[in-house]
PDB file of N, CA and C in Angstrom:
ATOM      1  N   MET A   1       5.281  14.237  28.708  1.00  0.00           N
ATOM      2  CA  MET A   1       6.327  14.254  27.946  1.00  0.00           C
ATOM      3  C   MET A   1       6.259  13.480  26.716  1.00  0.00           C
ATOM      4  N   LYS A   2       6.790  14.061  25.475  1.00  0.00           N
ATOM      5  CA  LYS A   2       6.824  13.324  24.221  1.00  0.00           C
ATOM      6  C   LYS A   2       8.080  13.291  23.773  1.00  0.00           C
ATOM      7  N   LEU A   3       8.547  11.968  23.541  1.00  0.00           N
ATOM      8  CA  LEU A   3       9.853  11.483  22.840  1.00  0.00           C
ATOM      9  C   LEU A   3       9.522  11.160  21.354  1.00  0.00           C
ATOM     10  N   THR A   4      10.442  11.716  20.569  1.00  0.00           N
ATOM     11  CA  THR A   4      10.323  11.117  19.130  1.00  0.00           C
ATOM     12  C   THR A   4      11.528   9.997  18.795  1.00  0.00           C
ATOM     13  N   LEU A   5      10.858   9.284  18.070  1.00  0.00           N
ATOM     14  CA  LEU A   5      12.085   8.271  17.563  1.00  0.00           C
ATOM     15  C   LEU A   5      12.019   8.558  15.983  1.00  0.00           C
ATOM     16  N   MET A   6      13.202   8.643  15.366  1.00  0.00           N
ATOM     17  CA  MET A   6      13.397   8.589  14.084  1.00  0.00           C
ATOM     18  C   MET A   6      13.793   7.123  13.498  1.00  0.00           C
ATOM     19  N   PHE A   7      13.003   6.867  12.557  1.00  0.00           N
ATOM     20  CA  PHE A   7      12.765   5.429  12.251  1.00  0.00           C
ATOM     21  C   PHE A   7      12.893   5.032  10.903  1.00  0.00           C
ATOM     22  N   ARG A   8      13.223   3.705  10.736  1.00  0.00           N
ATOM     23  CA  ARG A   8      13.180   3.099   9.045  1.00  0.00           C
ATOM     24  C   ARG A   8      12.435   1.711   9.501  1.00  0.00           C
ATOM     25  N   GLU A   9      11.404   1.668   8.659  1.00  0.00           N
ATOM     26  CA  GLU A   9      10.616   0.343   8.763  1.00  0.00           C
ATOM     27  C   GLU A   9      11.610  -0.840   8.628  1.00  0.00           C
ATOM     28  N   TYR A  10      12.654  -0.781   7.666  1.00  0.00           N
ATOM     29  CA  TYR A  10      13.352  -1.988   7.377  1.00  0.00           C
ATOM     30  C   TYR A  10      14.562  -2.196   8.179  1.00  0.00           C
ATOM     31  N   CYS A  11      14.596  -1.195   9.125  1.00  0.00           N
ATOM     32  CA  CYS A  11      15.834  -1.130   9.888  1.00  0.00           C
ATOM     33  C   CYS A  11      15.897  -2.018  11.319  1.00  0.00           C
ATOM     34  N   SER A  12      16.597  -3.082  11.575  1.00  0.00           N
ATOM     35  CA  SER A  12      16.609  -3.761  12.631  1.00  0.00           C
ATOM     36  C   SER A  12      16.957  -3.200  13.852  1.00  0.00           C
ATOM     37  N   LEU A  13      17.915  -1.945  13.544  1.00  0.00           N
ATOM     38  CA  LEU A  13      18.193  -1.431  15.014  1.00  0.00           C
ATOM     39  C   LEU A  13      17.065  -0.449  15.367  1.00  0.00           C
ATOM     40  N   CYS A  14      16.261   0.173  14.611  1.00  0.00           N
ATOM     41  CA  CYS A  14      15.146   0.819  14.845  1.00  0.00           C
ATOM     42  C   CYS A  14      13.971   0.031  15.631  1.00  0.00           C
ATOM     43  N   HIS A  15      14.060  -1.119  15.043  1.00  0.00           N
ATOM     44  CA  HIS A  15      12.742  -1.986  15.856  1.00  0.00           C
ATOM     45  C   HIS A  15      13.427  -2.196  17.125  1.00  0.00           C
ATOM     46  N   ALA A  16      14.455  -2.619  17.272  1.00  0.00           N
ATOM     47  CA  ALA A  16      15.195  -2.967  18.590  1.00  0.00           C
ATOM     48  C   ALA A  16      15.062  -1.751  19.665  1.00  0.00           C
ATOM     49  N   MET A  17      15.195  -0.683  18.966  1.00  0.00           N
ATOM     50  CA  MET A  17      15.394   0.498  20.120  1.00  0.00           C
ATOM     51  C   MET A  17      13.742   0.807  20.413  1.00  0.00           C
ATOM     52  N   ARG A  18      12.785   0.848  19.349  1.00  0.00           N
ATOM     53  CA  ARG A  18      11.418   1.020  19.702  1.00  0.00           C
ATOM     54  C   ARG A  18      10.951   0.069  20.984  1.00  0.00           C
ATOM     55  N   ASP A  19      11.246  -1.275  20.667  1.00  0.00           N
ATOM     56  CA  ASP A  19      10.979  -2.187  21.730  1.00  0.00           C
ATOM     57  C   ASP A  19      11.764  -2.083  22.917  1.00  0.00           C
ATOM     58  N   ALA A  20      12.667  -1.677  23.047  1.00  0.00           N
ATOM     59  CA  ALA A  20      13.654  -1.375  24.254  1.00  0.00           C
ATOM     60  C   ALA A  20      13.035  -0.402  24.764  1.00  0.00           C
ATOM     61  N   LEU A  21      12.324   0.585  24.282  1.00  0.00           N
ATOM     62  CA  LEU A  21      11.737   1.859  24.960  1.00  0.00           C
ATOM     63  C   LEU A  21      10.606   1.576  25.779  1.00  0.00           C
ATOM     64  N   ARG A  22       9.778   0.610  25.501  1.00  0.00           N
ATOM     65  CA  ARG A  22       8.629   0.161  25.929  1.00  0.00           C
ATOM     66  C   ARG A  22       8.521   0.124  27.462  1.00  0.00           C
ATOM     67  N   PRO A  23       9.469  -0.487  28.107  1.00  0.00           N
ATOM     68  CA  PRO A  23       9.675  -0.459  29.453  1.00  0.00           C
ATOM     69  C   PRO A  23       9.647   0.901  30.297  1.00  0.00           C
ATOM     70  N   PHE A  24      10.476   1.759  29.426  1.00  0.00           N
ATOM     71  CA  PHE A  24      10.862   2.990  29.975  1.00  0.00           C
ATOM     72  C   PHE A  24       9.348   3.746  29.845  1.00  0.00           C
ATOM     73  N   GLN A  25       8.680   3.414  28.876  1.00  0.00           N
ATOM     74  CA  GLN A  25       7.257   4.182  28.704  1.00  0.00           C
ATOM     75  C   GLN A  25       6.584   3.877  29.718  1.00  0.00           C
ATOM     76  N   ASP A  26       6.373   2.484  30.188  1.00  0.00           N
ATOM     77  CA  ASP A  26       5.603   2.090  31.392  1.00  0.00           C
ATOM     78  C   ASP A  26       6.119   2.714  32.443  1.00  0.00           C
ATOM     79  N   GLU A  27       7.375   3.005  32.823  1.00  0.00           N
ATOM     80  CA  GLU A  27       7.829   3.483  33.845  1.00  0.00           C
ATOM     81  C   GLU A  27       7.721   5.007  34.101  1.00  0.00           C
ATOM     82  N   PHE A  28       7.839   5.726  33.052  1.00  0.00           N
ATOM     83  CA  PHE A  28       8.030   7.091  33.131  1.00  0.00           C
ATOM     84  C   PHE A  28       6.784   7.898  32.565  1.00  0.00           C
ATOM     85  N   GLY A  29       5.667   6.879  31.506  1.00  0.00           N
ATOM     86  CA  GLY A  29       4.676   7.503  31.181  1.00  0.00           C
ATOM     87  C   GLY A  29       4.867   8.544  30.031  1.00  0.00           C
ATOM     88  N   PHE A  30       5.881   8.422  29.270  1.00  0.00           N
ATOM     89  CA  PHE A  30       6.024   9.470  28.001  1.00  0.00           C
ATOM     90  C   PHE A  30       5.402   8.811  26.828  1.00  0.00           C
ATOM     91  N   GLU A  31       4.869   9.739  26.075  1.00  0.00           N
ATOM     92  CA  GLU A  31       4.386   9.441  24.604  1.00  0.00           C
ATOM     93  C   GLU A  31       5.562   9.281  23.917  1.00  0.00           C
ATOM     94  N   LEU A  32       5.405   8.213  22.768  1.00  0.00           N
ATOM     95  CA  LEU A  32       6.588   7.959  21.801  1.00  0.00           C
ATOM     96  C   LEU A  32       5.888   8.375  20.470  1.00  0.00           C
ATOM     97  N   GLU A  33       6.490   9.251  19.922  1.00  0.00           N
ATOM     98  CA  GLU A  33       6.139   9.813  18.508  1.00  0.00           C
ATOM     99  C   GLU A  33       7.030   8.936  17.629  1.00  0.00           C
ATOM    100  N   ILE A  34       6.769   8.301  16.518  1.00  0.00           N
ATOM    101  CA  ILE A  34       7.599   7.710  15.579  1.00  0.00           C
ATOM    102  C   ILE A  34       7.359   8.315  14.038  1.00  0.00           C
ATOM    103  N   PHE A  35       8.568   8.664  13.717  1.00  0.00           N
ATOM    104  CA  PHE A  35       8.677   9.240  12.177  1.00  0.00           C
ATOM    105  C   PHE A  35       9.638   8.191  11.493  1.00  0.00           C
ATOM    106  N   ASP A  36       8.960   7.797  10.396  1.00  0.00           N
ATOM    107  CA  ASP A  36       9.690   6.930   9.269  1.00  0.00           C
ATOM    108  C   ASP A  36      10.462   8.251   8.674  1.00  0.00           C
ATOM    109  N   VAL A  37      11.869   8.236   8.661  1.00  0.00           N
ATOM    110  CA  VAL A  37      12.611   9.056   7.737  1.00  0.00           C
ATOM    111  C   VAL A  37      12.481   9.245   6.324  1.00  0.00           C
ATOM    112  N   ASP A  38      12.220   8.112   5.883  1.00  0.00           N
ATOM    113  CA  ASP A  38      12.018   7.881   4.503  1.00  0.00           C
ATOM    114  C   ASP A  38      10.494   8.574   4.012  1.00  0.00           C
ATOM    115  N   ASP A  39       9.755   8.974   4.693  1.00  0.00           N
ATOM    116  CA  ASP A  39       8.563   9.532   4.344  1.00  0.00           C
ATOM    117  C   ASP A  39       8.722  11.052   4.137  1.00  0.00           C
ATOM    118  N   ASP A  40      10.108  11.455   4.501  1.00  0.00           N
ATOM    119  CA  ASP A  40       9.990  12.957   4.435  1.00  0.00           C
ATOM    120  C   ASP A  40      11.392  13.192   4.088  1.00  0.00           C
ATOM    121  N   PRO A  41      11.655  13.954   2.906  1.00  0.00           N
ATOM    122  CA  PRO A  41      13.051  14.174   2.535  1.00  0.00           C
ATOM    123  C   PRO A  41      13.804  15.141   3.446  1.00  0.00           C
ATOM    124  N   LEU A  42      13.224  15.874   4.005  1.00  0.00           N
ATOM    125  CA  LEU A  42      14.023  16.730   5.139  1.00  0.00           C
ATOM    126  C   LEU A  42      14.552  15.812   6.158  1.00  0.00           C
ATOM    127  N   LEU A  43      13.800  15.169   6.827  1.00  0.00           N
ATOM    128  CA  LEU A  43      14.116  14.134   7.788  1.00  0.00           C
ATOM    129  C   LEU A  43      15.122  13.083   7.437  1.00  0.00           C
ATOM    130  N   GLU A  44      15.110  12.489   5.826  1.00  0.00           N
ATOM    131  CA  GLU A  44      15.854  11.550   5.416  1.00  0.00           C
ATOM    132  C   GLU A  44      17.398  12.250   5.463  1.00  0.00           C
ATOM    133  N   THR A  45      17.353  13.500   5.059  1.00  0.00           N
ATOM    134  CA  THR A  45      18.596  14.291   4.815  1.00  0.00           C
ATOM    135  C   THR A  45      19.243  14.349   6.200  1.00  0.00           C
ATOM    136  N   ARG A  46      18.525  14.955   7.154  1.00  0.00           N
ATOM    137  CA  ARG A  46      19.033  15.255   8.433  1.00  0.00           C
ATOM    138  C   ARG A  46      19.617  14.114   9.257  1.00  0.00           C
ATOM    139  N   TYR A  47      18.652  12.943   9.278  1.00  0.00           N
ATOM    140  CA  TYR A  47      18.995  11.729  10.093  1.00  0.00           C
ATOM    141  C   TYR A  47      19.278  10.504   9.366  1.00  0.00           C
ATOM    142  N   ASN A  48      19.684  10.522   8.094  1.00  0.00           N
ATOM    143  CA  ASN A  48      19.899   9.382   7.279  1.00  0.00           C
ATOM    144  C   ASN A  48      20.712   8.158   7.805  1.00  0.00           C
ATOM    145  N   GLU A  49      21.955   8.483   8.106  1.00  0.00           N
ATOM    146  CA  GLU A  49      22.836   7.352   8.646  1.00  0.00           C
ATOM    147  C   GLU A  49      22.737   7.126  10.096  1.00  0.00           C
ATOM    148  N   LEU A  50      22.015   8.035  10.784  1.00  0.00           N
ATOM    149  CA  LEU A  50      22.042   8.171  12.338  1.00  0.00           C
ATOM    150  C   LEU A  50      21.120   7.259  12.850  1.00  0.00           C
ATOM    151  N   VAL A  51      19.733   7.055  12.069  1.00  0.00           N
ATOM    152  CA  VAL A  51      18.680   6.072  12.455  1.00  0.00           C
ATOM    153  C   VAL A  51      19.055   4.985  13.101  1.00  0.00           C
ATOM    154  N   PRO A  52      18.585   4.523  14.352  1.00  0.00           N
ATOM    155  CA  PRO A  52      17.425   5.136  14.787  1.00  0.00           C
ATOM    156  C   PRO A  52      17.969   6.406  15.808  1.00  0.00           C
ATOM    157  N   VAL A  53      17.181   7.254  15.952  1.00  0.00           N
ATOM    158  CA  VAL A  53      17.550   8.502  16.701  1.00  0.00           C
ATOM    159  C   VAL A  53      16.507   8.955  17.614  1.00  0.00           C
ATOM    160  N   LEU A  54      16.663   8.899  18.880  1.00  0.00           N
ATOM    161  CA  LEU A  54      15.751   9.048  19.889  1.00  0.00           C
ATOM    162  C   LEU A  54      16.063  10.642  20.464  1.00  0.00           C
ATOM    163  N   LEU A  55      14.801  11.450  20.281  1.00  0.00           N
ATOM    164  CA  LEU A  55      14.996  12.909  20.616  1.00  0.00           C
ATOM    165  C   LEU A  55      13.785  13.169  21.547  1.00  0.00           C
ATOM    166  N   ASP A  56      14.195  14.434  22.289  1.00  0.00           N
ATOM    167  CA  ASP A  56      13.332  15.275  23.036  1.00  0.00           C
ATOM    168  C   ASP A  56      13.126  16.712  22.433  1.00  0.00           C
ATOM    169  N   GLY A  57      12.349  16.888  21.828  1.00  0.00           N
ATOM    170  CA  GLY A  57      12.344  18.144  20.932  1.00  0.00           C
ATOM    171  C   GLY A  57      13.648  17.895  19.829  1.00  0.00           C
ATOM    172  N   GLU A  58      14.551  18.932  20.034  1.00  0.00           N
ATOM    173  CA  GLU A  58      15.633  18.970  19.232  1.00  0.00           C
ATOM    174  C   GLU A  58      16.967  18.128  19.929  1.00  0.00           C
ATOM    175  N   THR A  59      16.778  17.897  21.288  1.00  0.00           N
ATOM    176  CA  THR A  59      17.758  17.438  22.097  1.00  0.00           C
ATOM    177  C   THR A  59      18.015  15.780  21.720  1.00  0.00           C
ATOM    178  N   GLU A  60      18.972  15.582  21.241  1.00  0.00           N
ATOM    179  CA  GLU A  60      19.274  14.096  20.896  1.00  0.00           C
ATOM    180  C   GLU A  60      19.626  13.388  22.028  1.00  0.00           C
ATOM    181  N   ILE A  61      18.999  12.173  22.385  1.00  0.00           N
ATOM    182  CA  ILE A  61      19.217  11.632  23.600  1.00  0.00           C
ATOM    183  C   ILE A  61      20.336  10.357  23.182  1.00  0.00           C
ATOM    184  N   CYS A  62      19.985   9.740  22.051  1.00  0.00           N
ATOM    185  CA  CYS A  62      20.867   8.664  21.624  1.00  0.00           C
ATOM    186  C   CYS A  62      20.531   8.374  20.320  1.00  0.00           C
ATOM    187  N   HIS A  63      21.485   7.681  19.707  1.00  0.00           N
ATOM    188  CA  HIS A  63      21.295   6.983  18.226  1.00  0.00           C
ATOM    189  C   HIS A  63      22.077   5.699  18.054  1.00  0.00           C
ATOM    190  N   TRP A  64      21.488   4.953  16.989  1.00  0.00           N
ATOM    191  CA  TRP A  64      21.798   3.704  16.832  1.00  0.00           C
ATOM    192  C   TRP A  64      21.440   2.639  17.762  1.00  0.00           C
ATOM    193  N   HIS A  65      21.701   2.717  18.991  1.00  0.00           N
ATOM    194  CA  HIS A  65      21.392   1.816  20.153  1.00  0.00           C
ATOM    195  C   HIS A  65      20.959   2.624  21.164  1.00  0.00           C
ATOM    196  N   LEU A  66      19.985   1.934  21.999  1.00  0.00           N
ATOM    197  CA  LEU A  66      19.445   2.798  23.121  1.00  0.00           C
ATOM    198  C   LEU A  66      20.424   2.585  24.126  1.00  0.00           C
ATOM    199  N   ASP A  67      20.845   3.945  24.798  1.00  0.00           N
ATOM    200  CA  ASP A  67      21.661   4.131  25.928  1.00  0.00           C
ATOM    201  C   ASP A  67      20.656   4.114  27.152  1.00  0.00           C
ATOM    202  N   ALA A  68      20.500   3.018  27.718  1.00  0.00           N
ATOM    203  CA  ALA A  68      19.714   2.773  28.674  1.00  0.00           C
ATOM    204  C   ALA A  68      19.761   3.744  30.046  1.00  0.00           C
ATOM    205  N   GLN A  69      21.273   3.733  30.323  1.00  0.00           N
ATOM    206  CA  GLN A  69      21.600   4.567  31.626  1.00  0.00           C
ATOM    207  C   GLN A  69      21.384   6.125  31.100  1.00  0.00           C
ATOM    208  N   LYS A  70      21.660   6.474  29.878  1.00  0.00           N
ATOM    209  CA  LYS A  70      21.595   7.850  29.543  1.00  0.00           C
ATOM    210  C   LYS A  70      20.098   8.360  29.655  1.00  0.00           C
ATOM    211  N   LEU A  71      19.337   7.399  29.023  1.00  0.00           N
ATOM    212  CA  LEU A  71      17.835   7.614  28.932  1.00  0.00           C
ATOM    213  C   LEU A  71      17.083   7.698  30.271  1.00  0.00           C
ATOM    214  N   ARG A  72      17.501   6.866  31.255  1.00  0.00           N
ATOM    215  CA  ARG A  72      17.024   6.807  32.590  1.00  0.00           C
ATOM    216  C   ARG A  72      17.459   8.177  33.359  1.00  0.00           C
ATOM    217  N   ALA A  73      18.789   8.412  33.281  1.00  0.00           N
ATOM    218  CA  ALA A  73      19.105   9.714  33.806  1.00  0.00           C
ATOM    219  C   ALA A  73      18.430  10.843  33.289  1.00  0.00           C
ATOM    220  N   TYR A  74      18.099  10.909  32.032  1.00  0.00           N
ATOM    221  CA  TYR A  74      17.710  12.097  31.243  1.00  0.00           C
ATOM    222  C   TYR A  74      16.109  12.083  31.707  1.00  0.00           C
ATOM    223  N   LEU A  75      15.355  11.107  31.791  1.00  0.00           N
ATOM    224  CA  LEU A  75      14.101  10.971  32.160  1.00  0.00           C
ATOM    225  C   LEU A  75      13.792  11.434  33.605  1.00  0.00           C
ATOM    226  N   MET A  76      14.839  10.995  34.373  1.00  0.00           N
ATOM    227  CA  MET A  76      14.834  11.358  35.989  1.00  0.00           C
ATOM    228  C   MET A  76      14.962  12.722  35.982  1.00  0.00           C
ATOM    229  N   ARG A  77      15.936  13.343  35.393  1.00  0.00           N
ATOM    230  CA  ARG A  77      16.029  14.820  35.697  1.00  0.00           C
ATOM    231  C   ARG A  77      14.851  15.700  35.135  1.00  0.00           C
ATOM    232  N   LYS A  78      14.233  15.184  33.926  1.00  0.00           N
ATOM    233  CA  LYS A  78      13.002  15.866  33.347  1.00  0.00           C
ATOM    234  C   LYS A  78      11.919  15.423  34.408  1.00  0.00           C
ATOM    235  N   ALA A  79      11.704  14.698  35.121  1.00  0.00           N
ATOM    236  CA  ALA A  79      10.595  14.321  36.111  1.00  0.00           C
ATOM    237  C   ALA A  79      10.622  15.196  37.206  1.00  0.00           C
ATOM    238  N   VAL A  80      11.864  15.728  37.664  1.00  0.00           N
ATOM    239  CA  VAL A  80      11.796  16.579  38.774  1.00  0.00           C
ATOM    240  C   VAL A  80      11.200  17.931  38.731  1.00  0.00           C
TER     241      VAL A  80
END
């Protein structure tokens, strides 16, 4: 499984979410793809004030802060 993190390099919330995802990656083995929204005008328009945003495809799992309970439940459902 691959999750996507919409990110900004200068965003402390983005760095915090990225770092908080590492234990989940170790446990569930998903790949994390990181996109800096400032590198793509379409992504910047779509996610501008929401970053960081954690996605599975087009499905938003959470934004601004990692919702650990929601992510765990989501990943457990996907693992079945």
